[in-house]
């Protein structure tokens, strides 16, 4: 939902990248990328999480930008300043990404590679 204000998603993305760098080190302060199984696990989790979060962030950014900078893509009716079609695009993308978030989280916690 931070995309409705346009600037916070970029700050949040930087924060997520910083956290991703921290998580790449295990509790023994050893990089997960040194062992092939751990590297595959780490990159698969990051990729599975990155795809739905990027789609959701893009959807909120699109919705926020459609409010601040009306475009020809959404010429129809508006609701509280937001084009209704942009709202429906947002809803569709968020609903479609929810199962991907669930799969990413299940893989993160139940993966046989996580040891």
Protein backbone atom coordinates (compact mmCIF):
# COMPACT_ATOMS: atom_id res chain seq x y z
CA UNK A 1 0.00 0.00 0.00
CA UNK A 2 3.00 2.32 0.27
CA UNK A 3 2.87 2.79 -3.50
CA UNK A 4 -0.11 5.07 -3.12
CA UNK A 5 2.33 7.70 -1.93
CA UNK A 6 4.88 6.88 -4.69
CA UNK A 7 8.20 7.52 -2.82
CA UNK A 8 8.11 4.96 0.07
CA UNK A 9 8.23 1.88 -2.23
CA UNK A 10 11.70 2.87 -3.35
CA UNK A 11 12.84 3.24 0.27
CA UNK A 12 11.19 -0.08 1.15
CA UNK A 13 12.94 -1.79 -1.77
CA UNK A 14 16.30 -0.54 -0.53
CA UNK A 15 15.50 -1.78 2.96
CA UNK A 16 14.49 -5.22 1.61
CA UNK A 17 17.78 -5.42 -0.28
CA UNK A 18 19.69 -4.55 2.87
CA UNK A 19 17.81 -7.21 4.86
CA UNK A 20 18.43 -9.72 2.04
CA UNK A 21 22.15 -9.09 2.39
CA UNK A 22 22.00 -9.67 6.13
CA UNK A 23 19.99 -12.88 5.73
CA UNK A 24 22.59 -14.22 3.32
CA UNK A 25 24.75 -14.85 6.39
CA UNK A 26 23.74 -17.66 8.73
CA UNK A 27 23.75 -17.66 12.52
CA UNK A 28 27.42 -18.73 12.54
CA UNK A 29 28.35 -15.57 10.55
CA UNK A 30 29.21 -17.67 7.50
CA UNK A 31 27.90 -16.82 4.06
CA UNK A 32 25.13 -19.09 2.81
CA UNK A 33 26.66 -18.80 -0.65
CA UNK A 34 29.72 -20.90 0.23
CA UNK A 35 27.88 -24.23 0.09
CA UNK A 36 25.98 -25.13 -3.10
CA UNK A 37 22.83 -26.38 -1.31
CA UNK A 38 22.63 -23.27 0.85
CA UNK A 39 23.25 -21.00 -2.15
CA UNK A 40 20.49 -22.71 -4.16
CA UNK A 41 18.15 -22.44 -1.18
CA UNK A 42 18.94 -18.76 -0.59
CA UNK A 43 18.58 -17.70 -4.23
CA UNK A 44 15.39 -19.75 -4.71
CA UNK A 45 13.79 -18.11 -1.67
CA UNK A 46 14.85 -14.65 -2.80
CA UNK A 47 13.52 -15.25 -6.32
CA UNK A 48 10.24 -16.74 -5.12
CA UNK A 49 9.70 -13.76 -2.83
CA UNK A 50 10.95 -11.13 -5.25
CA UNK A 51 8.47 -11.94 -8.04
CA UNK A 52 5.19 -11.44 -6.14
CA UNK A 53 6.49 -8.53 -4.07
CA UNK A 54 7.68 -6.77 -7.23
CA UNK A 55 4.31 -7.31 -8.90
CA UNK A 56 2.44 -5.99 -5.86
CA UNK A 57 4.76 -2.99 -5.52
CA UNK A 58 4.35 -2.23 -9.23
CA UNK A 59 0.58 -2.42 -8.90
CA UNK A 60 0.53 0.03 -6.00
CA UNK A 61 2.95 2.35 -7.77
CA UNK A 62 0.74 2.29 -10.85
CA UNK A 63 -2.28 3.12 -8.71
CA UNK A 64 -0.47 5.93 -6.92
CA UNK A 65 0.87 7.41 -10.14
CA UNK A 66 -2.56 7.22 -11.76
CA UNK A 67 -3.83 9.48 -8.98
CA UNK A 68 -1.03 12.04 -9.18
CA UNK A 69 -0.49 11.92 -12.94
CA UNK A 70 -3.66 10.98 -14.81
CA UNK A 71 -2.90 9.07 -18.00
CA UNK A 72 -4.74 8.14 -21.16
CA UNK A 73 -4.62 4.48 -20.06
CA UNK A 74 -7.40 5.15 -17.56
CA UNK A 75 -9.85 7.60 -19.16
CA UNK A 76 -13.01 6.36 -17.38
CA UNK A 77 -14.67 6.98 -14.06
CA UNK A 78 -12.80 7.83 -10.88
CA UNK A 79 -13.34 6.92 -7.25
CA UNK A 80 -11.88 9.39 -4.74
CA UNK A 81 -9.49 10.60 -7.42
CA UNK A 82 -8.29 7.14 -8.44
CA UNK A 83 -9.31 5.77 -11.84
CA UNK A 84 -11.61 2.79 -11.28
CA UNK A 85 -9.80 0.70 -13.88
CA UNK A 86 -6.47 1.31 -12.09
CA UNK A 87 -8.09 0.16 -8.84
CA UNK A 88 -9.29 -3.04 -10.54
CA UNK A 89 -5.83 -3.60 -12.01
CA UNK A 90 -4.40 -3.28 -8.50
CA UNK A 91 -6.95 -5.69 -7.02
CA UNK A 92 -6.39 -8.28 -9.75
CA UNK A 93 -2.61 -8.21 -9.39
CA UNK A 94 -2.67 -8.38 -5.58
CA UNK A 95 -5.15 -11.27 -5.61
CA UNK A 96 -3.02 -13.14 -8.16
CA UNK A 97 0.19 -12.61 -6.19
CA UNK A 98 -1.21 -13.91 -2.87
CA UNK A 99 -0.74 -17.61 -3.81
CA UNK A 100 2.82 -16.88 -4.94
CA UNK A 101 3.60 -15.30 -1.57
CA UNK A 102 2.20 -18.40 0.14
CA UNK A 103 4.34 -20.71 -2.01
CA UNK A 104 7.45 -18.61 -1.35
CA UNK A 105 6.88 -18.70 2.40
CA UNK A 106 6.14 -22.42 2.43
CA UNK A 107 9.31 -23.07 0.43
CA UNK A 108 11.33 -20.88 2.80
CA UNK A 109 10.26 -22.76 5.91
CA UNK A 110 9.69 -26.30 4.58
CA UNK A 111 12.41 -26.65 1.96
CA UNK A 112 14.59 -29.73 2.30
CA UNK A 113 17.54 -27.53 1.32
CA UNK A 114 17.15 -25.41 4.47
CA UNK A 115 19.44 -27.04 6.95
